[in-house]
Structures are given as C-alpha cells and as structure tokens.
C-alpha cells in the first residue's frame, strides 16, 4: 500500500472533517474525493440547489449526491434493492446484507464498503463504540449519523447497481434543516 505524506496544515484540515471514533484517514479522504467526483460528474446537470421540487407525496426531493443536513431526520420508509429498513443504521445493515449476497466474500465487501465493521459479534468494548451485530452476515457494523448512513448506503447501491430510496421527516427542532418537513433521497441505476 502506498504511503502519502501531507503537510501538517492539510492534515489539520482533514481532521476537521473527521467524525471521532467513526472516521479513519482513508474514510475522510474517500468522502472528500466522492464529493469532488460527484460534483464534477453532475456539474452539467446539477440543479442550483440541493433541493428539488416537491414530489407527488408532498415530500421535498433532494439530489442524492448533495443531500441536505440530515441531523434530526427520522426514517419514515427506506428501501435498498428489495429490502426495507426502519432506520438509518438498519438501512446500512440491509445494504451490507445485500452486498454480501452479491459479492460473496468479506474481502470483497470490505473493498467497497465505507462502513467500519468487524467480523463476528461485537465485544462489549466494541458495543460501547457503537458496533451492532448483523447476524445474517455475522459482522458488526459501527453505527453512524444519518448523513454517513446515507453516504455509505449510496456507495453500495451504486456499486451493486440497485435502487435505494429513503423517505424521512425532520423533527421540530430549531437546528433541523427543515423542521417538520418531509424529504426523499433516492438513486436508481436507470
């Protein structure tokens, strides 16, 4: 594996983007590059804002590559391929279950997943760090916030070329992006 030396000033900038106990140096760099690549890819078709018109269900539809701030957003319904999920982290679990069934090995899953996971059931110390066991594939995945859950799930959906859709609602909190509103994030390979 190549080694990369970067100036201290750049390292500090990357640290500001990291989520403690979740991100590694690699996941921060992947997120920065994913954002850069998606902006370049969508530059010619990008809408001026991340928000699109309301859907027929009265939900605000958002660009999957530029999601809104998802803090205080609860999942109403979520679907990854043919599987449904009841929350952000459960969506990540379902995406990994589907990925494992298609990819066939933990090594292949590890190469495409942005999620932190360990093989087998999490120890009590790992559980304190947010790892939750997914018995269907016998791994423990570290829980993340809604924004990272969406990012991790979208990455797997693209790699597997399966549809992902989440309808959610922001709580009535002053620091929610759209208090009380409903939103939709969706991506399809077609």
Protein backbone atom coordinates (compact mmCIF):
# COMPACT_ATOMS: atom_id res chain seq x y z
CA UNK A 1 0.00 0.00 0.00
CA UNK A 2 1.46 3.42 -0.95
CA UNK A 3 2.31 5.92 1.77
CA UNK A 4 1.24 9.52 1.40
CA UNK A 5 2.98 12.36 3.20
CA UNK A 6 0.98 15.56 3.59
CA UNK A 7 1.78 18.89 5.24
CA UNK A 8 0.58 19.43 8.81
CA UNK A 9 -1.77 22.22 7.66
CA UNK A 10 -3.56 19.86 5.26
CA UNK A 11 -3.73 17.14 7.92
CA UNK A 12 -5.45 19.59 10.30
CA UNK A 13 -7.99 20.45 7.60
CA UNK A 14 -8.77 16.75 7.15
CA UNK A 15 -9.11 16.31 10.93
CA UNK A 16 -11.83 18.97 10.97
CA UNK A 17 -13.86 16.83 8.54
CA UNK A 18 -13.47 13.62 10.56
CA UNK A 19 -16.08 12.21 12.89
CA UNK A 20 -14.37 10.98 16.06
CA UNK A 21 -14.49 7.22 16.64
CA UNK A 22 -16.02 6.72 13.19
CA UNK A 23 -13.66 8.04 10.51
CA UNK A 24 -10.20 6.89 9.59
CA UNK A 25 -7.75 8.86 7.43
CA UNK A 26 -8.93 6.80 4.49
CA UNK A 27 -12.66 7.38 5.04
CA UNK A 28 -12.14 11.15 5.27
CA UNK A 29 -10.15 11.20 2.03
CA UNK A 30 -12.75 8.95 0.35
CA UNK A 31 -15.56 11.30 1.40
CA UNK A 32 -13.68 14.35 0.06
CA UNK A 33 -12.95 12.58 -3.22
CA UNK A 34 -16.51 11.22 -3.51
CA UNK A 35 -17.85 14.75 -3.08
CA UNK A 36 -15.40 16.17 -5.62
CA UNK A 37 -16.13 13.46 -8.18
CA UNK A 38 -19.90 13.71 -7.79
CA UNK A 39 -19.76 17.49 -8.23
CA UNK A 40 -17.68 17.11 -11.41
CA UNK A 41 -19.93 14.32 -12.70
CA UNK A 42 -23.09 16.33 -12.02
CA UNK A 43 -21.75 19.74 -12.95
CA UNK A 44 -23.54 19.87 -16.28
CA UNK A 45 -26.82 18.55 -14.88
CA UNK A 46 -26.68 19.91 -11.35
CA UNK A 47 -29.54 21.98 -10.05
CA UNK A 48 -28.52 25.26 -8.43
CA UNK A 49 -29.54 23.99 -5.01
CA UNK A 50 -29.67 20.53 -3.49
CA UNK A 51 -33.42 20.79 -3.15
CA UNK A 52 -35.71 19.73 -5.98
CA UNK A 53 -39.43 20.36 -6.35
CA UNK A 54 -41.87 18.58 -4.12
CA UNK A 55 -42.75 15.04 -5.09
CA UNK A 56 -46.32 13.93 -5.59
CA UNK A 57 -46.34 12.75 -1.96
CA UNK A 58 -45.64 16.30 -0.77
CA UNK A 59 -42.03 15.47 0.12
CA UNK A 60 -39.04 17.55 -0.82
CA UNK A 61 -36.86 15.53 -3.20
CA UNK A 62 -33.11 16.01 -2.89
CA UNK A 63 -30.13 15.29 -5.09
CA UNK A 64 -28.66 12.03 -3.73
CA UNK A 65 -25.12 13.33 -4.30
CA UNK A 66 -25.74 16.53 -2.33
CA UNK A 67 -28.11 15.58 0.48
CA UNK A 68 -29.34 18.15 2.98
CA UNK A 69 -28.23 18.16 6.60
CA UNK A 70 -29.91 15.02 7.95
CA UNK A 71 -29.46 15.77 11.64
CA UNK A 72 -32.77 15.25 13.45
CA UNK A 73 -34.23 13.40 10.43
CA UNK A 74 -36.09 10.15 11.15
CA UNK A 75 -36.69 7.47 8.54
CA UNK A 76 -40.33 7.01 7.55
CA UNK A 77 -39.68 4.31 4.94
CA UNK A 78 -36.49 3.01 3.41
CA UNK A 79 -35.75 0.50 0.67
CA UNK A 80 -32.44 -0.92 -0.57
CA UNK A 81 -32.90 -3.23 -3.56
CA UNK A 82 -35.87 -5.34 -2.41
CA UNK A 83 -35.23 -4.92 1.33
CA UNK A 84 -36.92 -2.48 3.67
CA UNK A 85 -35.41 -0.81 6.73
CA UNK A 86 -36.83 1.05 9.70
CA UNK A 87 -33.95 3.43 10.46
CA UNK A 88 -30.73 4.91 9.10
CA UNK A 89 -28.39 2.33 10.60
CA UNK A 90 -30.74 -0.54 9.78
CA UNK A 91 -30.60 0.70 6.16
CA UNK A 92 -26.80 0.38 6.30
CA UNK A 93 -27.22 -3.16 7.65
CA UNK A 94 -29.64 -4.13 4.86
CA UNK A 95 -27.28 -2.68 2.25
CA UNK A 96 -24.43 -4.78 3.64
CA UNK A 97 -26.58 -7.92 3.72
CA UNK A 98 -27.46 -7.39 0.04
CA UNK A 99 -23.83 -6.56 -0.83
CA UNK A 100 -22.59 -9.72 0.86
CA UNK A 101 -25.12 -11.84 -1.04
CA UNK A 102 -23.97 -10.34 -4.36
CA UNK A 103 -20.24 -10.07 -3.67
CA UNK A 104 -19.83 -13.39 -1.89
CA UNK A 105 -16.95 -12.59 0.47
CA UNK A 106 -15.99 -10.33 3.35
CA UNK A 107 -12.88 -9.21 1.47
CA UNK A 108 -14.97 -8.04 -1.47
CA UNK A 109 -17.41 -6.32 0.91
CA UNK A 110 -14.56 -4.60 2.75
CA UNK A 111 -13.21 -3.22 -0.55
CA UNK A 112 -16.47 -1.48 -1.47
CA UNK A 113 -17.90 -0.52 1.92
CA UNK A 114 -17.20 2.78 3.62
CA UNK A 115 -18.60 1.47 6.90
CA UNK A 116 -16.39 0.37 9.78
CA UNK A 117 -17.11 -3.28 10.54
CA UNK A 118 -15.57 -6.24 12.27
CA UNK A 119 -16.09 -9.94 11.73
CA UNK A 120 -18.42 -11.68 14.14
CA UNK A 121 -20.29 -10.43 17.19
CA UNK A 122 -19.02 -7.21 18.73
CA UNK A 123 -17.38 -7.50 22.12
CA UNK A 124 -18.76 -5.40 24.98
CA UNK A 125 -15.93 -2.92 24.35
CA UNK A 126 -16.84 -2.74 20.63
CA UNK A 127 -20.51 -2.32 21.53
CA UNK A 128 -19.54 0.75 23.58
CA UNK A 129 -18.01 2.13 20.37
CA UNK A 130 -21.33 1.72 18.56
CA UNK A 131 -20.82 -1.60 16.79
CA UNK A 132 -24.01 -3.61 16.25
CA UNK A 133 -24.14 -7.24 15.19
CA UNK A 134 -25.78 -8.14 11.87
CA UNK A 135 -26.45 -11.85 12.35
CA UNK A 136 -27.47 -12.52 8.72
CA UNK A 137 -23.84 -11.99 7.62
CA UNK A 138 -22.10 -12.33 11.01
CA UNK A 139 -20.40 -8.94 11.08
CA UNK A 140 -20.75 -6.00 13.45
CA UNK A 141 -21.11 -2.58 11.82
CA UNK A 142 -20.38 0.66 13.62
CA UNK A 143 -23.41 2.94 13.86
CA UNK A 144 -23.13 6.36 12.23
CA UNK A 145 -25.17 9.53 11.93
CA UNK A 146 -27.86 9.84 9.23
CA UNK A 147 -25.59 11.69 6.78
CA UNK A 148 -22.94 8.98 6.88
CA UNK A 149 -25.58 6.26 6.76
CA UNK A 150 -26.90 7.77 3.51
CA UNK A 151 -23.41 8.19 2.05
CA UNK A 152 -22.38 4.63 2.93
CA UNK A 153 -25.64 3.18 1.57
CA UNK A 154 -25.50 5.21 -1.65
CA UNK A 155 -21.96 4.00 -2.31
CA UNK A 156 -23.08 0.36 -2.01
CA UNK A 157 -26.18 0.98 -4.16
CA UNK A 158 -24.02 2.40 -6.93
CA UNK A 159 -21.51 -0.41 -6.74
CA UNK A 160 -24.22 -3.07 -6.78
CA UNK A 161 -26.37 -1.12 -9.26
CA UNK A 162 -29.52 -1.39 -7.13
CA UNK A 163 -32.16 1.16 -6.23
CA UNK A 164 -32.15 2.94 -2.87
CA UNK A 165 -34.90 5.23 -1.58
CA UNK A 166 -35.45 6.85 1.81
CA UNK A 167 -38.41 8.97 2.88
CA UNK A 168 -37.71 10.86 6.08
CA UNK A 169 -39.05 13.63 8.30
CA UNK A 170 -37.17 16.26 10.25
CA UNK A 171 -38.14 16.70 13.89
CA UNK A 172 -39.48 20.03 15.10
CA UNK A 173 -36.07 21.23 16.29
CA UNK A 174 -34.56 24.62 15.65
CA UNK A 175 -31.29 23.17 14.35
CA UNK A 176 -33.01 20.73 11.95
CA UNK A 177 -32.52 21.65 8.28
CA UNK A 178 -36.28 21.79 7.59
CA UNK A 179 -38.19 21.39 10.89
CA UNK A 180 -41.36 19.35 10.45
CA UNK A 181 -40.86 18.82 6.69
CA UNK A 182 -40.60 15.51 4.88
CA UNK A 183 -37.90 14.68 2.37
CA UNK A 184 -36.82 11.99 -0.05
CA UNK A 185 -33.42 10.76 -1.17
CA UNK A 186 -33.39 8.24 -3.99
CA UNK A 187 -31.00 6.76 -6.51
CA UNK A 188 -31.62 4.26 -9.28
CA UNK A 189 -29.21 2.71 -11.78
CA UNK A 190 -31.56 3.55 -14.66
